[in-house]
C-alpha cells in the first residue's frame, strides 16, 4: 500500500480542498452581492473598454471593485463620525397663548426646584425643529439658503393651499432629560412629516449632511438638563414627573405655521431671544399672499457680498505673492515703471 503523502491524497485532504473551494465560491458570491448596491453595478466595463472574457482579469476586476466598495463604506462611516449638526430648520412658535402657557409651566417647576431655572428654554426661542444639518462655511450656508428656497414649492404642493395648524397638548420627556410640550395627534401630523421628509431630501440632494438616525418626532422643548451641566454634580440627574403632573393634559393652544427659518445653533441669538436666522420662507397666506421679495433681495445681497469678499482676498493674496523677495515679477514691474519714467523725462 502506498503511504499517504507519497503522491496520493487521503480523505481528510480531499475534505480540506473541498472546503477551501466552497469558501472561495462563497467569498466571490458575497463580493458580487455587495457590488450590486454600488452606483456602477449596472455598467458593463467590458463593453466600454473592449475587454474579452479572461478569468484572471475578471478576478482582478472583482478584487478591485471589492476594494473600492470598502473604501466607499469607510469614507461614509468617517463622514457620519465627523457629522456634528450646527444649523437647523426651525418653525418658530409665536402664538402668545402658547408661549404664555409655557412660561406658567416653567415657573411652576422652578417654584418646586429653583436650581432648574438655568435648564429652562429662554423666552423668544420656542420652536419646532424640522431638520438638523452641518454647514461648515459660508459657501455651504449659501447652498443651504438655496435649498430652503427650493423647498417652498414642495411645501405648497403638500399643503394644497390649506393652512398648517399645530395644536399643542400635554407634556412628555426624552429619557427624563428633555422636557417638551407634545404635538396632538391629527391630520396635521402627516403634513408635517411629509414636509420634514421633503426638507431632508432637498438638502441632501444639494450634498448637505442633514438629518438624524432616529425617526422624526416633532416637539416643543421647554427645558433641557444639558443646558445646566452643574446640575448633575448637585445630584439632579432627571426631571421629576411630579414637577409637571398638573400640566400632563393641559391644552396650550394652536400655532398656524407661517414661516420656516434656517438658523444657527452656535451664532449669537437675536435681541428678542430667537436664534440667528440666515434665511426664511413664508408659508401660507399670513401676509396677504405677499411674495418673498425681501428674502430674495437678502439672498442676492449676501451672494454679492461674498463675491466681493472673495475678490478682495484674491487681490490681497496676489499682491502678497508679487511683493515676496526673490520674485522676479516684482523687480520687472519696478524696472518697467522706472524706464517709463526716464523716457517721459527725456521727452520733456
C-alpha atoms as a PDB file:
ATOM      1  CA  UNK A   1       0.000   0.000   0.000  1.00  0.00           C
ATOM      2  CA  UNK A   2       1.272   3.437  -0.945  1.00  0.00           C
ATOM      3  CA  UNK A   3       1.711   5.592   2.152  1.00  0.00           C
ATOM      4  CA  UNK A   4      -0.100   8.977   2.392  1.00  0.00           C
ATOM      5  CA  UNK A   5       1.946  11.870   1.106  1.00  0.00           C
ATOM      6  CA  UNK A   6       3.794   9.800  -1.462  1.00  0.00           C
ATOM      7  CA  UNK A   7       1.750  11.157  -4.329  1.00  0.00           C
ATOM      8  CA  UNK A   8      -1.742  10.193  -3.155  1.00  0.00           C
ATOM      9  CA  UNK A   9      -4.370  12.305  -1.323  1.00  0.00           C
ATOM     10  CA  UNK A  10      -6.179  10.908   1.687  1.00  0.00           C
ATOM     11  CA  UNK A  11      -9.836  11.561   2.545  1.00  0.00           C
ATOM     12  CA  UNK A  12      -9.137  14.363   5.075  1.00  0.00           C
ATOM     13  CA  UNK A  13      -7.084  16.256   2.475  1.00  0.00           C
ATOM     14  CA  UNK A  14      -9.951  15.926  -0.013  1.00  0.00           C
ATOM     15  CA  UNK A  15     -12.321  17.413   2.538  1.00  0.00           C
ATOM     16  CA  UNK A  16      -9.951  20.346   3.113  1.00  0.00           C
ATOM     17  CA  UNK A  17      -9.668  21.051  -0.620  1.00  0.00           C
ATOM     18  CA  UNK A  18     -13.466  20.864  -0.992  1.00  0.00           C
ATOM     19  CA  UNK A  19     -13.982  23.173   1.993  1.00  0.00           C
ATOM     20  CA  UNK A  20     -11.481  25.732   0.614  1.00  0.00           C
ATOM     21  CA  UNK A  21     -13.267  25.681  -2.760  1.00  0.00           C
ATOM     22  CA  UNK A  22     -16.641  26.290  -1.089  1.00  0.00           C
ATOM     23  CA  UNK A  23     -15.192  29.151   0.966  1.00  0.00           C
ATOM     24  CA  UNK A  24     -13.733  30.742  -2.181  1.00  0.00           C
ATOM     25  CA  UNK A  25     -17.059  30.454  -4.020  1.00  0.00           C
ATOM     26  CA  UNK A  26     -18.930  31.906  -1.042  1.00  0.00           C
ATOM     27  CA  UNK A  27     -16.471  34.839  -0.866  1.00  0.00           C
ATOM     28  CA  UNK A  28     -16.939  35.652  -4.576  1.00  0.00           C
ATOM     29  CA  UNK A  29     -20.735  35.455  -4.221  1.00  0.00           C
ATOM     30  CA  UNK A  30     -20.685  37.883  -1.271  1.00  0.00           C
ATOM     31  CA  UNK A  31     -18.442  40.264  -3.205  1.00  0.00           C
ATOM     32  CA  UNK A  32     -20.837  40.275  -6.174  1.00  0.00           C
ATOM     33  CA  UNK A  33     -23.819  40.870  -3.859  1.00  0.00           C
ATOM     34  CA  UNK A  34     -22.110  43.949  -2.414  1.00  0.00           C
ATOM     35  CA  UNK A  35     -21.311  45.255  -5.905  1.00  0.00           C
ATOM     36  CA  UNK A  36     -24.968  45.187  -6.913  1.00  0.00           C
ATOM     37  CA  UNK A  37     -25.610  48.042  -4.477  1.00  0.00           C
ATOM     38  CA  UNK A  38     -22.833  50.236  -5.933  1.00  0.00           C
ATOM     39  CA  UNK A  39     -23.559  53.072  -8.382  1.00  0.00           C
ATOM     40  CA  UNK A  40     -21.610  51.474 -11.238  1.00  0.00           C
ATOM     41  CA  UNK A  41     -23.026  47.961 -10.765  1.00  0.00           C
ATOM     42  CA  UNK A  42     -25.147  48.181 -13.925  1.00  0.00           C
ATOM     43  CA  UNK A  43     -22.261  49.346 -16.127  1.00  0.00           C
ATOM     44  CA  UNK A  44     -20.614  46.675 -18.269  1.00  0.00           C
ATOM     45  CA  UNK A  45     -16.927  47.624 -18.250  1.00  0.00           C
ATOM     46  CA  UNK A  46     -16.151  45.002 -20.906  1.00  0.00           C
ATOM     47  CA  UNK A  47     -18.428  46.677 -23.439  1.00  0.00           C
ATOM     48  CA  UNK A  48     -16.942  50.107 -22.772  1.00  0.00           C
ATOM     49  CA  UNK A  49     -13.305  49.028 -22.905  1.00  0.00           C
ATOM     50  CA  UNK A  50     -13.430  46.061 -25.278  1.00  0.00           C
ATOM     51  CA  UNK A  51     -12.153  43.563 -22.705  1.00  0.00           C
ATOM     52  CA  UNK A  52     -12.723  39.916 -23.519  1.00  0.00           C
ATOM     53  CA  UNK A  53     -13.664  37.229 -21.025  1.00  0.00           C
ATOM     54  CA  UNK A  54     -10.403  36.274 -19.330  1.00  0.00           C
ATOM     55  CA  UNK A  55     -10.854  34.567 -15.930  1.00  0.00           C
ATOM     56  CA  UNK A  56      -7.663  36.059 -14.482  1.00  0.00           C
ATOM     57  CA  UNK A  57      -8.655  39.618 -15.415  1.00  0.00           C
ATOM     58  CA  UNK A  58     -12.193  39.098 -14.141  1.00  0.00           C
ATOM     59  CA  UNK A  59     -10.775  38.015 -10.781  1.00  0.00           C
ATOM     60  CA  UNK A  60      -8.544  41.119 -10.644  1.00  0.00           C
ATOM     61  CA  UNK A  61     -11.504  43.351 -11.522  1.00  0.00           C
ATOM     62  CA  UNK A  62     -13.602  41.668  -8.812  1.00  0.00           C
ATOM     63  CA  UNK A  63     -10.885  42.325  -6.226  1.00  0.00           C
ATOM     64  CA  UNK A  64     -10.537  45.964  -7.368  1.00  0.00           C
ATOM     65  CA  UNK A  65     -14.303  46.521  -7.149  1.00  0.00           C
ATOM     66  CA  UNK A  66     -14.318  44.996  -3.686  1.00  0.00           C
ATOM     67  CA  UNK A  67     -11.518  47.363  -2.617  1.00  0.00           C
ATOM     68  CA  UNK A  68     -13.417  50.383  -3.998  1.00  0.00           C
ATOM     69  CA  UNK A  69     -16.555  49.247  -2.178  1.00  0.00           C
ATOM     70  CA  UNK A  70     -14.676  49.025   1.127  1.00  0.00           C
ATOM     71  CA  UNK A  71     -13.139  52.485   0.568  1.00  0.00           C
ATOM     72  CA  UNK A  72     -16.572  53.991  -0.074  1.00  0.00           C
ATOM     73  CA  UNK A  73     -18.003  52.384   3.070  1.00  0.00           C
ATOM     74  CA  UNK A  74     -15.020  53.647   5.082  1.00  0.00           C
ATOM     75  CA  UNK A  75     -15.492  57.212   3.762  1.00  0.00           C
ATOM     76  CA  UNK A  76     -19.225  57.150   4.529  1.00  0.00           C
ATOM     77  CA  UNK A  77     -18.505  55.994   8.088  1.00  0.00           C
ATOM     78  CA  UNK A  78     -15.909  58.777   8.506  1.00  0.00           C
ATOM     79  CA  UNK A  79     -18.397  61.402   7.302  1.00  0.00           C
ATOM     80  CA  UNK A  80     -21.033  60.147   9.743  1.00  0.00           C
ATOM     81  CA  UNK A  81     -18.455  60.104  12.532  1.00  0.00           C
ATOM     82  CA  UNK A  82     -17.485  63.731  11.836  1.00  0.00           C
ATOM     83  CA  UNK A  83     -21.127  64.794  11.477  1.00  0.00           C
ATOM     84  CA  UNK A  84     -21.871  67.497  14.053  1.00  0.00           C
ATOM     85  CA  UNK A  85     -25.052  69.466  13.226  1.00  0.00           C
ATOM     86  CA  UNK A  86     -24.664  73.226  13.704  1.00  0.00           C
ATOM     87  CA  UNK A  87     -27.682  74.526  11.747  1.00  0.00           C
ATOM     88  CA  UNK A  88     -31.359  73.605  11.734  1.00  0.00           C
ATOM     89  CA  UNK A  89     -34.693  74.375  10.116  1.00  0.00           C
ATOM     90  CA  UNK A  90     -36.972  75.984  12.683  1.00  0.00           C
ATOM     91  CA  UNK A  91     -40.706  76.565  12.861  1.00  0.00           C
ATOM     92  CA  UNK A  92     -40.949  79.489  15.304  1.00  0.00           C
ATOM     93  CA  UNK A  93     -43.746  79.391  17.887  1.00  0.00           C
ATOM     94  CA  UNK A  94     -45.205  82.902  18.119  1.00  0.00           C
ATOM     95  CA  UNK A  95     -48.733  82.349  19.452  1.00  0.00           C
ATOM     96  CA  UNK A  96     -48.771  84.270  22.756  1.00  0.00           C
ATOM     97  CA  UNK A  97     -51.292  81.869  24.254  1.00  0.00           C
ATOM     98  CA  UNK A  98     -48.794  79.011  23.805  1.00  0.00           C
ATOM     99  CA  UNK A  99     -45.733  80.938  24.989  1.00  0.00           C
ATOM    100  CA  UNK A 100     -47.638  82.304  27.999  1.00  0.00           C
ATOM    101  CA  UNK A 101     -48.716  78.768  28.955  1.00  0.00           C
ATOM    102  CA  UNK A 102     -45.137  77.528  28.710  1.00  0.00           C
ATOM    103  CA  UNK A 103     -43.891  80.348  30.933  1.00  0.00           C
ATOM    104  CA  UNK A 104     -46.508  79.409  33.548  1.00  0.00           C
ATOM    105  CA  UNK A 105     -45.326  75.784  33.325  1.00  0.00           C
ATOM    106  CA  UNK A 106     -41.671  76.788  33.688  1.00  0.00           C
ATOM    107  CA  UNK A 107     -42.391  78.995  36.703  1.00  0.00           C
ATOM    108  CA  UNK A 108     -44.375  76.198  38.353  1.00  0.00           C
ATOM    109  CA  UNK A 109     -41.371  73.859  38.011  1.00  0.00           C
ATOM    110  CA  UNK A 110     -38.892  76.484  39.236  1.00  0.00           C
ATOM    111  CA  UNK A 111     -41.008  77.093  42.341  1.00  0.00           C
ATOM    112  CA  UNK A 112     -40.538  73.419  43.227  1.00  0.00           C
ATOM    113  CA  UNK A 113     -36.790  73.428  42.475  1.00  0.00           C
ATOM    114  CA  UNK A 114     -35.157  76.831  41.944  1.00  0.00           C
ATOM    115  CA  UNK A 115     -31.905  75.392  40.600  1.00  0.00           C
ATOM    116  CA  UNK A 116     -33.784  74.175  37.480  1.00  0.00           C
ATOM    117  CA  UNK A 117     -34.164  77.789  36.302  1.00  0.00           C
ATOM    118  CA  UNK A 118     -30.968  77.512  34.262  1.00  0.00           C
ATOM    119  CA  UNK A 119     -32.319  74.439  32.458  1.00  0.00           C
ATOM    120  CA  UNK A 120     -35.296  76.328  31.015  1.00  0.00           C
ATOM    121  CA  UNK A 121     -35.569  77.290  27.359  1.00  0.00           C
ATOM    122  CA  UNK A 122     -35.258  81.061  27.123  1.00  0.00           C
ATOM    123  CA  UNK A 123     -38.205  83.230  26.213  1.00  0.00           C
ATOM    124  CA  UNK A 124     -38.356  84.020  22.484  1.00  0.00           C
ATOM    125  CA  UNK A 125     -36.635  80.834  21.301  1.00  0.00           C
ATOM    126  CA  UNK A 126     -39.584  78.427  21.371  1.00  0.00           C
ATOM    127  CA  UNK A 127     -39.678  76.437  18.146  1.00  0.00           C
ATOM    128  CA  UNK A 128     -40.106  73.074  16.472  1.00  0.00           C
ATOM    129  CA  UNK A 129     -37.001  71.623  14.828  1.00  0.00           C
ATOM    130  CA  UNK A 130     -37.818  70.374  11.340  1.00  0.00           C
ATOM    131  CA  UNK A 131     -34.318  69.269  10.280  1.00  0.00           C
ATOM    132  CA  UNK A 132     -30.737  69.470  11.569  1.00  0.00           C
ATOM    133  CA  UNK A 133     -27.692  69.775   9.323  1.00  0.00           C
ATOM    134  CA  UNK A 134     -23.991  70.578   9.148  1.00  0.00           C
ATOM    135  CA  UNK A 135     -22.847  73.700   7.274  1.00  0.00           C
ATOM    136  CA  UNK A 136     -19.098  74.245   7.651  1.00  0.00           C
ATOM    137  CA  UNK A 137     -18.524  77.543   5.816  1.00  0.00           C
ATOM    138  CA  UNK A 138     -20.229  80.472   4.079  1.00  0.00           C
ATOM    139  CA  UNK A 139     -20.406  78.635   0.760  1.00  0.00           C
ATOM    140  CA  UNK A 140     -22.308  75.769   2.391  1.00  0.00           C
ATOM    141  CA  UNK A 141     -24.578  78.259   4.178  1.00  0.00           C
ATOM    142  CA  UNK A 142     -25.412  79.793   0.791  1.00  0.00           C
ATOM    143  CA  UNK A 143     -26.166  76.326  -0.580  1.00  0.00           C
ATOM    144  CA  UNK A 144     -28.417  75.765   2.435  1.00  0.00           C
ATOM    145  CA  UNK A 145     -30.246  79.040   1.741  1.00  0.00           C
ATOM    146  CA  UNK A 146     -30.783  77.954  -1.852  1.00  0.00           C
ATOM    147  CA  UNK A 147     -32.123  74.588  -0.693  1.00  0.00           C
ATOM    148  CA  UNK A 148     -34.552  76.327   1.663  1.00  0.00           C
ATOM    149  CA  UNK A 149     -35.901  78.472  -1.182  1.00  0.00           C
ATOM    150  CA  UNK A 150     -36.283  75.375  -3.355  1.00  0.00           C
ATOM    151  CA  UNK A 151     -38.210  73.680  -0.540  1.00  0.00           C
ATOM    152  CA  UNK A 152     -41.086  76.176  -0.644  1.00  0.00           C
ATOM    153  CA  UNK A 153     -42.897  74.826  -3.764  1.00  0.00           C
ATOM    154  CA  UNK A 154     -42.732  71.294  -2.319  1.00  0.00           C
ATOM    155  CA  UNK A 155     -44.401  72.532   0.874  1.00  0.00           C
ATOM    156  CA  UNK A 156     -47.076  74.330  -1.128  1.00  0.00           C
ATOM    157  CA  UNK A 157     -47.750  71.124  -3.047  1.00  0.00           C
ATOM    158  CA  UNK A 158     -48.105  69.170   0.206  1.00  0.00           C
ATOM    159  CA  UNK A 159     -50.458  71.688   1.821  1.00  0.00           C
ATOM    160  CA  UNK A 160     -52.567  72.312  -1.315  1.00  0.00           C
ATOM    161  CA  UNK A 161     -53.461  75.818  -0.164  1.00  0.00           C
ATOM    162  CA  UNK A 162     -54.626  74.678   3.280  1.00  0.00           C
ATOM    163  CA  UNK A 163     -53.174  76.237   6.447  1.00  0.00           C
ATOM    164  CA  UNK A 164     -50.959  74.067   8.629  1.00  0.00           C
ATOM    165  CA  UNK A 165     -52.239  74.393  12.194  1.00  0.00           C
ATOM    166  CA  UNK A 166     -50.350  72.678  15.019  1.00  0.00           C
ATOM    167  CA  UNK A 167     -52.260  72.011  18.281  1.00  0.00           C
ATOM    168  CA  UNK A 168     -50.164  71.534  21.430  1.00  0.00           C
ATOM    169  CA  UNK A 169     -51.400  69.500  24.355  1.00  0.00           C
ATOM    170  CA  UNK A 170     -49.733  67.654  27.228  1.00  0.00           C
ATOM    171  CA  UNK A 171     -46.169  67.137  28.481  1.00  0.00           C
ATOM    172  CA  UNK A 172     -43.582  64.427  27.884  1.00  0.00           C
ATOM    173  CA  UNK A 173     -39.821  63.924  28.175  1.00  0.00           C
ATOM    174  CA  UNK A 174     -36.932  62.277  26.360  1.00  0.00           C
ATOM    175  CA  UNK A 175     -35.424  59.995  28.988  1.00  0.00           C
ATOM    176  CA  UNK A 176     -36.362  62.472  31.749  1.00  0.00           C
ATOM    177  CA  UNK A 177     -33.610  64.723  30.371  1.00  0.00           C
ATOM    178  CA  UNK A 178     -35.529  66.948  27.938  1.00  0.00           C
ATOM    179  CA  UNK A 179     -38.988  68.263  28.749  1.00  0.00           C
ATOM    180  CA  UNK A 180     -41.304  69.197  25.893  1.00  0.00           C
ATOM    181  CA  UNK A 181     -44.874  70.117  25.060  1.00  0.00           C
ATOM    182  CA  UNK A 182     -46.446  67.435  22.876  1.00  0.00           C
ATOM    183  CA  UNK A 183     -47.985  67.943  19.483  1.00  0.00           C
ATOM    184  CA  UNK A 184     -51.508  66.496  19.499  1.00  0.00           C
ATOM    185  CA  UNK A 185     -52.317  63.745  17.015  1.00  0.00           C
ATOM    186  CA  UNK A 186     -54.250  64.552  13.839  1.00  0.00           C
ATOM    187  CA  UNK A 187     -54.034  65.074  10.071  1.00  0.00           C
ATOM    188  CA  UNK A 188     -51.597  67.939  10.598  1.00  0.00           C
ATOM    189  CA  UNK A 189     -49.027  65.389  11.783  1.00  0.00           C
ATOM    190  CA  UNK A 190     -48.946  63.673   8.380  1.00  0.00           C
ATOM    191  CA  UNK A 191     -48.440  67.008   6.615  1.00  0.00           C
ATOM    192  CA  UNK A 192     -45.614  67.942   8.977  1.00  0.00           C
ATOM    193  CA  UNK A 193     -43.900  64.583   8.482  1.00  0.00           C
ATOM    194  CA  UNK A 194     -44.152  64.979   4.691  1.00  0.00           C
ATOM    195  CA  UNK A 195     -42.622  68.459   4.908  1.00  0.00           C
ATOM    196  CA  UNK A 196     -39.794  67.148   7.110  1.00  0.00           C
ATOM    197  CA  UNK A 197     -39.076  64.365   4.618  1.00  0.00           C
ATOM    198  CA  UNK A 198     -39.141  66.796   1.677  1.00  0.00           C
ATOM    199  CA  UNK A 199     -36.730  69.084   3.542  1.00  0.00           C
ATOM    200  CA  UNK A 200     -34.325  66.237   4.274  1.00  0.00           C
ATOM    201  CA  UNK A 201     -34.397  65.095   0.639  1.00  0.00           C
ATOM    202  CA  UNK A 202     -33.944  68.630  -0.747  1.00  0.00           C
ATOM    203  CA  UNK A 203     -30.936  69.422   1.439  1.00  0.00           C
ATOM    204  CA  UNK A 204     -29.272  66.034   0.945  1.00  0.00           C
ATOM    205  CA  UNK A 205     -29.613  66.346  -2.838  1.00  0.00           C
ATOM    206  CA  UNK A 206     -27.530  69.528  -2.522  1.00  0.00           C
ATOM    207  CA  UNK A 207     -24.759  67.483  -0.913  1.00  0.00           C
ATOM    208  CA  UNK A 208     -25.501  68.736   2.608  1.00  0.00           C
ATOM    209  CA  UNK A 209     -25.145  66.366   5.544  1.00  0.00           C
ATOM    210  CA  UNK A 210     -28.612  66.563   7.083  1.00  0.00           C
ATOM    211  CA  UNK A 211     -30.994  64.551   9.253  1.00  0.00           C
ATOM    212  CA  UNK A 212     -30.694  62.251  12.234  1.00  0.00           C
ATOM    213  CA  UNK A 213     -30.626  58.477  12.666  1.00  0.00           C
ATOM    214  CA  UNK A 214     -33.856  58.323  14.670  1.00  0.00           C
ATOM    215  CA  UNK A 215     -37.332  58.931  13.326  1.00  0.00           C
ATOM    216  CA  UNK A 216     -38.657  62.499  13.239  1.00  0.00           C
ATOM    217  CA  UNK A 217     -40.675  63.348  16.358  1.00  0.00           C
ATOM    218  CA  UNK A 218     -41.877  66.987  16.366  1.00  0.00           C
ATOM    219  CA  UNK A 219     -41.830  68.539  19.844  1.00  0.00           C
ATOM    220  CA  UNK A 220     -41.697  71.910  21.590  1.00  0.00           C
ATOM    221  CA  UNK A 221     -38.855  71.915  24.134  1.00  0.00           C
ATOM    222  CA  UNK A 222     -39.337  73.944  27.322  1.00  0.00           C
ATOM    223  CA  UNK A 223     -36.410  72.636  29.383  1.00  0.00           C
ATOM    224  CA  UNK A 224     -33.219  70.646  28.948  1.00  0.00           C
ATOM    225  CA  UNK A 225     -30.913  69.456  31.749  1.00  0.00           C
ATOM    226  CA  UNK A 226     -27.889  69.627  29.431  1.00  0.00           C
ATOM    227  CA  UNK A 227     -28.245  73.437  29.446  1.00  0.00           C
ATOM    228  CA  UNK A 228     -27.031  73.366  33.065  1.00  0.00           C
ATOM    229  CA  UNK A 229     -24.245  70.742  33.382  1.00  0.00           C
ATOM    230  CA  UNK A 230     -23.604  71.662  37.028  1.00  0.00           C
ATOM    231  CA  UNK A 231     -26.996  70.241  37.990  1.00  0.00           C
ATOM    232  CA  UNK A 232     -25.639  66.711  37.646  1.00  0.00           C
ATOM    233  CA  UNK A 233     -22.870  67.496  40.129  1.00  0.00           C
ATOM    234  CA  UNK A 234     -25.570  68.692  42.513  1.00  0.00           C
ATOM    235  CA  UNK A 235     -27.402  65.411  42.182  1.00  0.00           C
ATOM    236  CA  UNK A 236     -30.072  66.485  39.663  1.00  0.00           C
ATOM    237  CA  UNK A 237     -29.937  63.711  37.075  1.00  0.00           C
ATOM    238  CA  UNK A 238     -33.515  63.692  35.784  1.00  0.00           C
ATOM    239  CA  UNK A 239     -36.691  65.735  35.538  1.00  0.00           C
ATOM    240  CA  UNK A 240     -39.091  64.669  38.243  1.00  0.00           C
ATOM    241  CA  UNK A 241     -42.539  63.892  36.673  1.00  0.00           C
ATOM    242  CA  UNK A 242     -44.234  65.372  39.753  1.00  0.00           C
ATOM    243  CA  UNK A 243     -42.952  68.797  38.719  1.00  0.00           C
ATOM    244  CA  UNK A 244     -45.254  68.924  35.680  1.00  0.00           C
ATOM    245  CA  UNK A 245     -48.036  66.497  36.599  1.00  0.00           C
ATOM    246  CA  UNK A 246     -50.648  69.307  36.708  1.00  0.00           C
ATOM    247  CA  UNK A 247     -49.894  70.078  33.040  1.00  0.00           C
ATOM    248  CA  UNK A 248     -49.889  66.473  31.825  1.00  0.00           C
ATOM    249  CA  UNK A 249     -53.033  67.027  29.723  1.00  0.00           C
ATOM    250  CA  UNK A 250     -53.031  70.829  29.518  1.00  0.00           C
ATOM    251  CA  UNK A 251     -54.079  72.442  26.215  1.00  0.00           C
ATOM    252  CA  UNK A 252     -51.502  75.078  25.363  1.00  0.00           C
ATOM    253  CA  UNK A 253     -53.079  76.348  22.140  1.00  0.00           C
ATOM    254  CA  UNK A 254     -52.636  76.206  18.375  1.00  0.00           C
ATOM    255  CA  UNK A 255     -49.882  77.580  16.147  1.00  0.00           C
ATOM    256  CA  UNK A 256     -50.515  78.408  12.500  1.00  0.00           C
ATOM    257  CA  UNK A 257     -47.269  77.767  10.647  1.00  0.00           C
ATOM    258  CA  UNK A 258     -46.333  80.905   8.752  1.00  0.00           C
ATOM    259  CA  UNK A 259     -42.549  80.688   8.456  1.00  0.00           C
ATOM    260  CA  UNK A 260     -39.617  78.272   8.295  1.00  0.00           C
ATOM    261  CA  UNK A 261     -36.168  79.608   9.226  1.00  0.00           C
ATOM    262  CA  UNK A 262     -32.628  78.403   8.589  1.00  0.00           C
ATOM    263  CA  UNK A 263     -30.999  79.026  11.984  1.00  0.00           C
ATOM    264  CA  UNK A 264     -27.567  78.663  13.527  1.00  0.00           C
ATOM    265  CA  UNK A 265     -27.106  76.715  16.755  1.00  0.00           C
ATOM    266  CA  UNK A 266     -23.837  78.480  17.576  1.00  0.00           C
ATOM    267  CA  UNK A 267     -24.080  82.113  16.463  1.00  0.00           C
ATOM    268  CA  UNK A 268     -25.251  84.788  18.881  1.00  0.00           C
ATOM    269  CA  UNK A 269     -29.019  84.934  19.323  1.00  0.00           C
ATOM    270  CA  UNK A 270     -31.088  87.931  18.311  1.00  0.00           C
ATOM    271  CA  UNK A 271     -32.140  90.603  20.816  1.00  0.00           C
ATOM    272  CA  UNK A 272     -35.601  89.009  21.110  1.00  0.00           C
ATOM    273  CA  UNK A 273     -34.060  85.702  22.235  1.00  0.00           C
ATOM    274  CA  UNK A 274     -34.611  83.889  18.920  1.00  0.00           C
ATOM    275  CA  UNK A 275     -31.791  82.149  17.094  1.00  0.00           C
ATOM    276  CA  UNK A 276     -29.565  83.795  14.481  1.00  0.00           C
ATOM    277  CA  UNK A 277     -31.501  83.404  11.251  1.00  0.00           C
ATOM    278  CA  UNK A 278     -29.719  83.068   7.883  1.00  0.00           C
ATOM    279  CA  UNK A 279     -32.841  82.901   5.725  1.00  0.00           C
ATOM    280  CA  UNK A 280     -36.598  82.293   5.835  1.00  0.00           C
ATOM    281  CA  UNK A 281     -39.517  81.236   3.685  1.00  0.00           C
ATOM    282  CA  UNK A 282     -43.112  82.307   4.269  1.00  0.00           C
ATOM    283  CA  UNK A 283     -45.727  79.547   4.486  1.00  0.00           C
ATOM    284  CA  UNK A 284     -49.423  80.048   3.884  1.00  0.00           C
ATOM    285  CA  UNK A 285     -51.240  83.339   3.444  1.00  0.00           C
ATOM    286  CA  UNK A 286     -50.483  85.127   6.705  1.00  0.00           C
ATOM    287  CA  UNK A 287     -49.017  88.183   4.951  1.00  0.00           C
ATOM    288  CA  UNK A 288     -51.828  88.518   2.461  1.00  0.00           C
ATOM    289  CA  UNK A 289     -50.087  86.470  -0.195  1.00  0.00           C
ATOM    290  CA  UNK A 290     -47.119  88.812  -0.482  1.00  0.00           C
ATOM    291  CA  UNK A 291     -44.189  87.259  -2.386  1.00  0.00           C
ATOM    292  CA  UNK A 292     -40.836  86.754  -0.676  1.00  0.00           C
ATOM    293  CA  UNK A 293     -39.200  89.698  -2.442  1.00  0.00           C
ATOM    294  CA  UNK A 294     -37.427  90.800   0.725  1.00  0.00           C
ATOM    295  CA  UNK A 295     -35.916  87.339   1.122  1.00  0.00           C
ATOM    296  CA  UNK A 296     -34.719  87.294  -2.487  1.00  0.00           C
ATOM    297  CA  UNK A 297     -33.123  90.721  -2.025  1.00  0.00           C
ATOM    298  CA  UNK A 298     -31.395  89.491   1.138  1.00  0.00           C
ATOM    299  CA  UNK A 299     -30.052  86.423  -0.660  1.00  0.00           C
ATOM    300  CA  UNK A 300     -28.817  88.486  -3.633  1.00  0.00           C
ATOM    301  CA  UNK A 301     -27.103  90.933  -1.295  1.00  0.00           C
ATOM    302  CA  UNK A 302     -25.427  88.080   0.558  1.00  0.00           C
ATOM    303  CA  UNK A 303     -24.144  86.493  -2.654  1.00  0.00           C
ATOM    304  CA  UNK A 304     -22.755  89.841  -3.866  1.00  0.00           C
ATOM    305  CA  UNK A 305     -21.025  90.462  -0.537  1.00  0.00           C
ATOM    306  CA  UNK A 306     -19.415  87.025  -0.629  1.00  0.00           C
ATOM    307  CA  UNK A 307     -18.254  87.555  -4.217  1.00  0.00           C
ATOM    308  CA  UNK A 308     -16.702  90.922  -3.317  1.00  0.00           C
ATOM    309  CA  UNK A 309     -15.020  89.398  -0.263  1.00  0.00           C
ATOM    310  CA  UNK A 310     -13.516  86.609  -2.360  1.00  0.00           C
ATOM    311  CA  UNK A 311     -12.270  89.118  -4.953  1.00  0.00           C
ATOM    312  CA  UNK A 312     -10.594  91.211  -2.242  1.00  0.00           C
ATOM    313  CA  UNK A 313      -8.975  88.138  -0.692  1.00  0.00           C
ATOM    314  CA  UNK A 314      -7.692  87.027  -4.085  1.00  0.00           C
ATOM    315  CA  UNK A 315      -6.289  90.511  -4.766  1.00  0.00           C
ATOM    316  CA  UNK A 316      -4.510  90.580  -1.402  1.00  0.00           C
ATOM    317  CA  UNK A 317      -3.018  87.131  -1.999  1.00  0.00           C
ATOM    318  CA  UNK A 318      -1.746  88.131  -5.449  1.00  0.00           C
ATOM    319  CA  UNK A 319      -0.292  91.359  -4.069  1.00  0.00           C
ATOM    320  CA  UNK A 320       1.497  89.483  -1.284  1.00  0.00           C
ATOM    321  CA  UNK A 321       2.898  86.954  -3.755  1.00  0.00           C
ATOM    322  CA  UNK A 322       4.247  89.713  -6.010  1.00  0.00           C
ATOM    323  CA  UNK A 323       5.921  91.522  -3.126  1.00  0.00           C
ATOM    324  CA  UNK A 324       7.756  88.416  -1.874  1.00  0.00           C
ATOM    325  CA  UNK A 325      11.604  88.706  -2.108  1.00  0.00           C
ATOM    326  CA  UNK A 326      13.142  86.787  -4.969  1.00  0.00           C
ATOM    327  CA  UNK A 327      10.052  87.143  -7.118  1.00  0.00           C
ATOM    328  CA  UNK A 328      11.256  88.390 -10.499  1.00  0.00           C
ATOM    329  CA  UNK A 329       7.864  89.725 -11.484  1.00  0.00           C
ATOM    330  CA  UNK A 330       8.037  92.476  -8.840  1.00  0.00           C
ATOM    331  CA  UNK A 331      11.528  93.537  -9.958  1.00  0.00           C
ATOM    332  CA  UNK A 332      10.485  93.549 -13.604  1.00  0.00           C
ATOM    333  CA  UNK A 333       7.455  95.687 -12.809  1.00  0.00           C
ATOM    334  CA  UNK A 334       9.595  98.198 -10.916  1.00  0.00           C
ATOM    335  CA  UNK A 335      12.163  98.354 -13.764  1.00  0.00           C
ATOM    336  CA  UNK A 336       9.410  98.865 -16.309  1.00  0.00           C
ATOM    337  CA  UNK A 337       7.952 101.702 -14.252  1.00  0.00           C
ATOM    338  CA  UNK A 338      11.406 103.290 -13.877  1.00  0.00           C
ATOM    339  CA  UNK A 339      12.178 103.011 -17.596  1.00  0.00           C
ATOM    340  CA  UNK A 340       8.826 104.516 -18.422  1.00  0.00           C
ATOM    341  CA  UNK A 341       9.527 107.450 -16.123  1.00  0.00           C
ATOM    342  CA  UNK A 342      13.016 108.024 -17.624  1.00  0.00           C
ATOM    343  CA  UNK A 343      11.619 108.040 -21.170  1.00  0.00           C
ATOM    344  CA  UNK A 344       8.966 110.536 -20.108  1.00  0.00           C
ATOM    345  CA  UNK A 345      11.644 112.790 -18.616  1.00  0.00           C
ATOM    346  CA  UNK A 346      13.684 112.577 -21.818  1.00  0.00           C
ATOM    347  CA  UNK A 347      10.713 113.792 -23.832  1.00  0.00           C
ATOM    348  CA  UNK A 348      10.289 116.860 -21.620  1.00  0.00           C
END
